[in-house]
C-alpha atoms as a PDB file:
ATOM      1  CA  MET A   1      80.373  66.435 -77.706  1.00  0.00           C
ATOM      2  CA  LEU A   2      81.615  69.328 -79.871  1.00  0.00           C
ATOM      3  CA  ARG A   3      85.074  68.809 -81.325  1.00  0.00           C
ATOM      4  CA  PHE A   4      87.607  71.185 -82.828  1.00  0.00           C
ATOM      5  CA  ALA A   5      87.927  71.036 -86.631  1.00  0.00           C
ATOM      6  CA  ARG A   6      91.657  70.314 -86.541  1.00  0.00           C
ATOM      7  CA  GLN A   7      90.869  67.116 -84.621  1.00  0.00           C
ATOM      8  CA  LEU A   8      88.311  65.864 -87.120  1.00  0.00           C
ATOM      9  CA  SER A   9      89.981  64.921 -90.372  1.00  0.00           C
ATOM     10  CA  LEU A  10      92.206  62.100 -89.117  1.00  0.00           C
ATOM     11  CA  PRO A  11      89.671  60.675 -86.627  1.00  0.00           C
ATOM     12  CA  LEU A  12      86.930  60.792 -89.263  1.00  0.00           C
ATOM     13  CA  ARG A  13      89.129  59.001 -91.744  1.00  0.00           C
ATOM     14  CA  CYS A  14      90.199  56.356 -89.233  1.00  0.00           C
ATOM     15  CA  ALA A  15      86.743  55.829 -87.749  1.00  0.00           C
ATOM     16  CA  SER A  16      85.118  55.500 -91.134  1.00  0.00           C
ATOM     17  CA  ARG A  17      87.328  52.516 -91.995  1.00  0.00           C
ATOM     18  CA  SER A  18      85.848  50.421 -89.202  1.00  0.00           C
ATOM     19  CA  LEU A  19      82.243  50.631 -90.357  1.00  0.00           C
ATOM     20  CA  THR A  20      80.440  47.491 -91.386  1.00  0.00           C
ATOM     21  CA  THR A  21      77.015  46.832 -92.826  1.00  0.00           C
ATOM     22  CA  ALA A  22      75.110  43.612 -93.265  1.00  0.00           C
ATOM     23  CA  ALA A  23      73.851  44.262 -96.797  1.00  0.00           C
ATOM     24  CA  ALA A  24      76.173  44.413 -99.786  1.00  0.00           C
ATOM     25  CA  LEU A  25      76.531  47.896-101.217  1.00  0.00           C
ATOM     26  CA  PRO A  26      78.050  49.095-104.503  1.00  0.00           C
ATOM     27  CA  SER A  27      80.717  50.920-102.498  1.00  0.00           C
ATOM     28  CA  ASP A  28      81.828  47.594-100.992  1.00  0.00           C
ATOM     29  CA  ALA A  29      84.162  47.299-103.969  1.00  0.00           C
ATOM     30  CA  PHE A  30      86.107  50.186-102.446  1.00  0.00           C
ATOM     31  CA  THR A  31      85.689  49.409 -98.765  1.00  0.00           C
ATOM     32  CA  LYS A  32      86.111  45.682 -98.299  1.00  0.00           C
ATOM     33  CA  ASN A  33      89.482  43.940 -98.251  1.00  0.00           C
ATOM     34  CA  ILE A  34      91.489  45.844-100.817  1.00  0.00           C
ATOM     35  CA  SER A  35      94.092  43.325-101.947  1.00  0.00           C
ATOM     36  CA  HIS A  36      97.754  44.041-102.556  1.00  0.00           C
ATOM     37  CA  ALA A  37      97.237  43.018-106.191  1.00  0.00           C
ATOM     38  CA  ARG A  38      94.482  45.590-106.583  1.00  0.00           C
ATOM     39  CA  ILE A  39      96.672  48.303-105.079  1.00  0.00           C
ATOM     40  CA  ALA A  40      99.542  47.271-107.355  1.00  0.00           C
ATOM     41  CA  ASN A  41      97.224  47.506-110.369  1.00  0.00           C
ATOM     42  CA  ALA A  42      96.069  50.962-109.307  1.00  0.00           C
ATOM     43  CA  VAL A  43      99.666  52.123-108.916  1.00  0.00           C
ATOM     44  CA  LYS A  44     100.535  50.717-112.370  1.00  0.00           C
ATOM     45  CA  LEU A  45      97.551  52.506-113.858  1.00  0.00           C
ATOM     46  CA  MET A  46      98.588  55.812-112.308  1.00  0.00           C
ATOM     47  CA  HIS A  47     102.155  55.427-113.586  1.00  0.00           C
ATOM     48  CA  ALA A  48     100.867  54.622-117.090  1.00  0.00           C
ATOM     49  CA  LEU A  49      98.939  57.899-117.252  1.00  0.00           C
ATOM     50  CA  SER A  50     100.388  61.062-118.682  1.00  0.00           C
ATOM     51  CA  PRO A  51     101.315  63.657-116.047  1.00  0.00           C
ATOM     52  CA  GLU A  52      98.286  65.713-117.086  1.00  0.00           C
ATOM     53  CA  ASP A  53      95.884  62.773-116.755  1.00  0.00           C
ATOM     54  CA  ARG A  54      97.441  61.733-113.449  1.00  0.00           C
ATOM     55  CA  TYR A  55      96.911  65.278-112.164  1.00  0.00           C
ATOM     56  CA  VAL A  56      93.242  65.138-113.207  1.00  0.00           C
ATOM     57  CA  VAL A  57      92.680  61.783-111.461  1.00  0.00           C
ATOM     58  CA  GLU A  58      94.468  62.952-108.316  1.00  0.00           C
ATOM     59  CA  SER A  59      92.450  66.180-108.285  1.00  0.00           C
ATOM     60  CA  MET A  60      89.162  64.319-108.736  1.00  0.00           C
ATOM     61  CA  LEU A  61      89.945  61.950-105.876  1.00  0.00           C
ATOM     62  CA  ARG A  62      90.956  64.843-103.612  1.00  0.00           C
ATOM     63  CA  VAL A  63      87.788  66.800-104.431  1.00  0.00           C
ATOM     64  CA  ASP A  64      85.588  63.761-103.777  1.00  0.00           C
ATOM     65  CA  HIS A  65      87.336  63.038-100.479  1.00  0.00           C
ATOM     66  CA  SER A  66      87.131  66.693 -99.395  1.00  0.00           C
ATOM     67  CA  GLY A  67      83.412  66.748-100.153  1.00  0.00           C
ATOM     68  CA  GLU A  68      82.878  63.655 -98.043  1.00  0.00           C
ATOM     69  CA  ILE A  69      84.865  65.193 -95.167  1.00  0.00           C
ATOM     70  CA  ALA A  70      82.629  68.270 -95.346  1.00  0.00           C
ATOM     71  CA  ALA A  71      79.429  66.203 -95.582  1.00  0.00           C
ATOM     72  CA  ASN A  72      80.448  64.082 -92.586  1.00  0.00           C
ATOM     73  CA  THR A  73      81.298  67.095 -90.456  1.00  0.00           C
ATOM     74  CA  ILE A  74      77.996  68.765 -91.385  1.00  0.00           C
ATOM     75  CA  TYR A  75      76.079  65.743 -90.082  1.00  0.00           C
ATOM     76  CA  GLU A  76      78.349  65.440 -87.056  1.00  0.00           C
ATOM     77  CA  ALA A  77      77.781  69.079 -86.072  1.00  0.00           C
ATOM     78  CA  GLN A  78      74.033  68.836 -86.635  1.00  0.00           C
ATOM     79  CA  ALA A  79      73.856  65.715 -84.469  1.00  0.00           C
ATOM     80  CA  ASP A  80      75.896  67.449 -81.760  1.00  0.00           C
ATOM     81  CA  VAL A  81      73.678  70.558 -81.748  1.00  0.00           C
ATOM     82  CA  PHE A  82      70.405  68.620 -81.800  1.00  0.00           C
ATOM     83  CA  GLY A  83      71.781  66.352 -79.064  1.00  0.00           C
ATOM     84  CA  VAL A  84      72.636  69.337 -76.853  1.00  0.00           C
ATOM     85  CA  GLN A  85      69.174  70.764 -77.526  1.00  0.00           C
ATOM     86  CA  GLY A  86      67.602  67.476 -76.426  1.00  0.00           C
ATOM     87  CA  LYS A  87      65.948  66.866 -79.802  1.00  0.00           C
ATOM     88  CA  SER A  88      66.368  63.102 -79.726  1.00  0.00           C
ATOM     89  CA  GLU A  89      64.203  62.339 -82.781  1.00  0.00           C
ATOM     90  CA  LEU A  90      66.162  64.798 -84.916  1.00  0.00           C
ATOM     91  CA  THR A  91      69.444  63.524 -83.524  1.00  0.00           C
ATOM     92  CA  LYS A  92      68.427  59.969 -84.416  1.00  0.00           C
ATOM     93  CA  LEU A  93      67.463  61.018 -87.963  1.00  0.00           C
ATOM     94  CA  ILE A  94      70.730  62.891 -88.507  1.00  0.00           C
ATOM     95  CA  LEU A  95      72.747  59.960 -87.134  1.00  0.00           C
ATOM     96  CA  GLU A  96      70.983  57.603 -89.562  1.00  0.00           C
ATOM     97  CA  MET A  97      71.755  59.901 -92.498  1.00  0.00           C
ATOM     98  CA  TRP A  98      75.334  60.294 -91.270  1.00  0.00           C
ATOM     99  CA  GLU A  99      75.862  56.514 -91.390  1.00  0.00           C
ATOM    100  CA  ASN A 100      75.437  56.653 -95.173  1.00  0.00           C
ATOM    101  CA  GLU A 101      77.969  59.483 -95.430  1.00  0.00           C
ATOM    102  CA  LYS A 102      80.470  57.524 -93.350  1.00  0.00           C
ATOM    103  CA  LYS A 103      80.359  54.806 -95.987  1.00  0.00           C
ATOM    104  CA  HIS A 104      81.096  57.372 -98.702  1.00  0.00           C
ATOM    105  CA  LEU A 105      84.011  58.760 -96.701  1.00  0.00           C
ATOM    106  CA  GLU A 106      85.377  55.273 -96.197  1.00  0.00           C
ATOM    107  CA  ALA A 107      85.209  54.610 -99.940  1.00  0.00           C
ATOM    108  CA  THR A 108      86.955  57.852-100.885  1.00  0.00           C
ATOM    109  CA  SER A 109      89.598  57.368 -98.173  1.00  0.00           C
ATOM    110  CA  ASN A 110      90.310  53.891 -99.489  1.00  0.00           C
ATOM    111  CA  MET A 111      90.558  55.188-103.058  1.00  0.00           C
ATOM    112  CA  LEU A 112      93.132  57.760-101.934  1.00  0.00           C
ATOM    113  CA  ASP A 113      95.126  54.924-100.363  1.00  0.00           C
ATOM    114  CA  GLU A 114      94.647  52.587-103.309  1.00  0.00           C
ATOM    115  CA  TYR A 115      95.801  55.124-105.886  1.00  0.00           C
ATOM    116  CA  ARG A 116      98.480  56.554-103.592  1.00  0.00           C
ATOM    117  CA  VAL A 117      97.004  60.062-103.686  1.00  0.00           C
ATOM    118  CA  ARG A 118      97.498  62.432-100.780  1.00  0.00           C
ATOM    119  CA  PRO A 119      94.421  64.072 -99.257  1.00  0.00           C
ATOM    120  CA  SER A 120      93.812  67.745 -99.900  1.00  0.00           C
ATOM    121  CA  ALA A 121      96.059  70.094 -97.973  1.00  0.00           C
ATOM    122  CA  LEU A 122      92.837  71.981 -97.216  1.00  0.00           C
ATOM    123  CA  THR A 123      91.194  69.050 -95.409  1.00  0.00           C
ATOM    124  CA  PRO A 124      91.129  70.967 -92.096  1.00  0.00           C
ATOM    125  CA  VAL A 125      89.387  73.861 -93.875  1.00  0.00           C
ATOM    126  CA  TRP A 126      86.687  71.549 -95.275  1.00  0.00           C
ATOM    127  CA  ALA A 127      86.247  69.980 -91.832  1.00  0.00           C
ATOM    128  CA  LEU A 128      85.888  73.387 -90.203  1.00  0.00           C
ATOM    129  CA  ALA A 129      83.535  74.618 -92.927  1.00  0.00           C
ATOM    130  CA  GLY A 130      81.371  71.520 -92.483  1.00  0.00           C
ATOM    131  CA  ARG A 131      81.280  71.941 -88.705  1.00  0.00           C
ATOM    132  CA  VAL A 132      80.318  75.605 -88.987  1.00  0.00           C
ATOM    133  CA  LEU A 133      77.690  75.013 -91.671  1.00  0.00           C
ATOM    134  CA  GLY A 134      76.202  72.034 -89.843  1.00  0.00           C
ATOM    135  CA  GLY A 135      76.267  73.711 -86.449  1.00  0.00           C
ATOM    136  CA  VAL A 136      74.774  76.994 -87.633  1.00  0.00           C
ATOM    137  CA  THR A 137      72.011  75.378 -89.677  1.00  0.00           C
ATOM    138  CA  ALA A 138      71.087  73.087 -86.781  1.00  0.00           C
ATOM    139  CA  ALA A 139      71.069  76.046 -84.377  1.00  0.00           C
ATOM    140  CA  LEU A 140      68.693  77.841 -86.755  1.00  0.00           C
ATOM    141  CA  GLY A 141      66.321  74.892 -86.511  1.00  0.00           C
ATOM    142  CA  PRO A 142      65.276  71.639 -88.161  1.00  0.00           C
ATOM    143  CA  LYS A 143      64.068  73.277 -91.387  1.00  0.00           C
ATOM    144  CA  SER A 144      67.403  75.024 -91.888  1.00  0.00           C
ATOM    145  CA  ALA A 145      69.325  71.834 -91.139  1.00  0.00           C
ATOM    146  CA  MET A 146      67.250  69.827 -93.618  1.00  0.00           C
ATOM    147  CA  ALA A 147      67.536  72.584 -96.254  1.00  0.00           C
ATOM    148  CA  CYS A 148      71.313  72.471 -95.828  1.00  0.00           C
ATOM    149  CA  THR A 149      71.351  68.696 -96.127  1.00  0.00           C
ATOM    150  CA  GLU A 150      69.153  68.758 -99.231  1.00  0.00           C
ATOM    151  CA  ALA A 151      71.285  71.447-100.875  1.00  0.00           C
ATOM    152  CA  VAL A 152      74.530  69.602-100.165  1.00  0.00           C
ATOM    153  CA  GLU A 153      73.171  66.282-101.435  1.00  0.00           C
ATOM    154  CA  THR A 154      71.844  67.978-104.589  1.00  0.00           C
ATOM    155  CA  VAL A 155      75.190  69.627-105.336  1.00  0.00           C
ATOM    156  CA  ILE A 156      77.078  66.390-104.671  1.00  0.00           C
ATOM    157  CA  GLY A 157      74.683  64.476-106.933  1.00  0.00           C
ATOM    158  CA  GLU A 158      75.185  67.018-109.713  1.00  0.00           C
ATOM    159  CA  HIS A 159      78.961  66.814-109.224  1.00  0.00           C
ATOM    160  CA  TYR A 160      78.939  63.031-109.607  1.00  0.00           C
ATOM    161  CA  ASP A 161      76.668  63.280-112.656  1.00  0.00           C
ATOM    162  CA  GLU A 162      79.315  65.414-114.363  1.00  0.00           C
END
């Protein structure tokens, strides 16, 4: 049922690694069998960068991972609230949308590992913020929850376009 934010970041990261899908996805390049050679190449690349460029890459990976933590906890909280309210159709819809976000979290988690970048020190804050935002919008009703989801996806899309 409802979980505390401090318990979410590690379980979300670990659980997301075990997901599998039947169809090949573009993110499979970052989620399926990362070889030692690929990790070694990523480490070499990072060492070849200037300190400034390395900082930029590390920051980008942390921001992406933090956003995926927040997105996952938003969906998780919405599913929890709708489940408690007995809104099975909404719960099912949110769980389906969450499956896609789990794949994104898995990809960003693997990229952190591959490039040997630590997660954000604020990961628990993003997890808590996602839980609060998801829980409150779901408690306000389906329209609020969907408006939240649409807004988050729009902002994330704009972020990736930049």
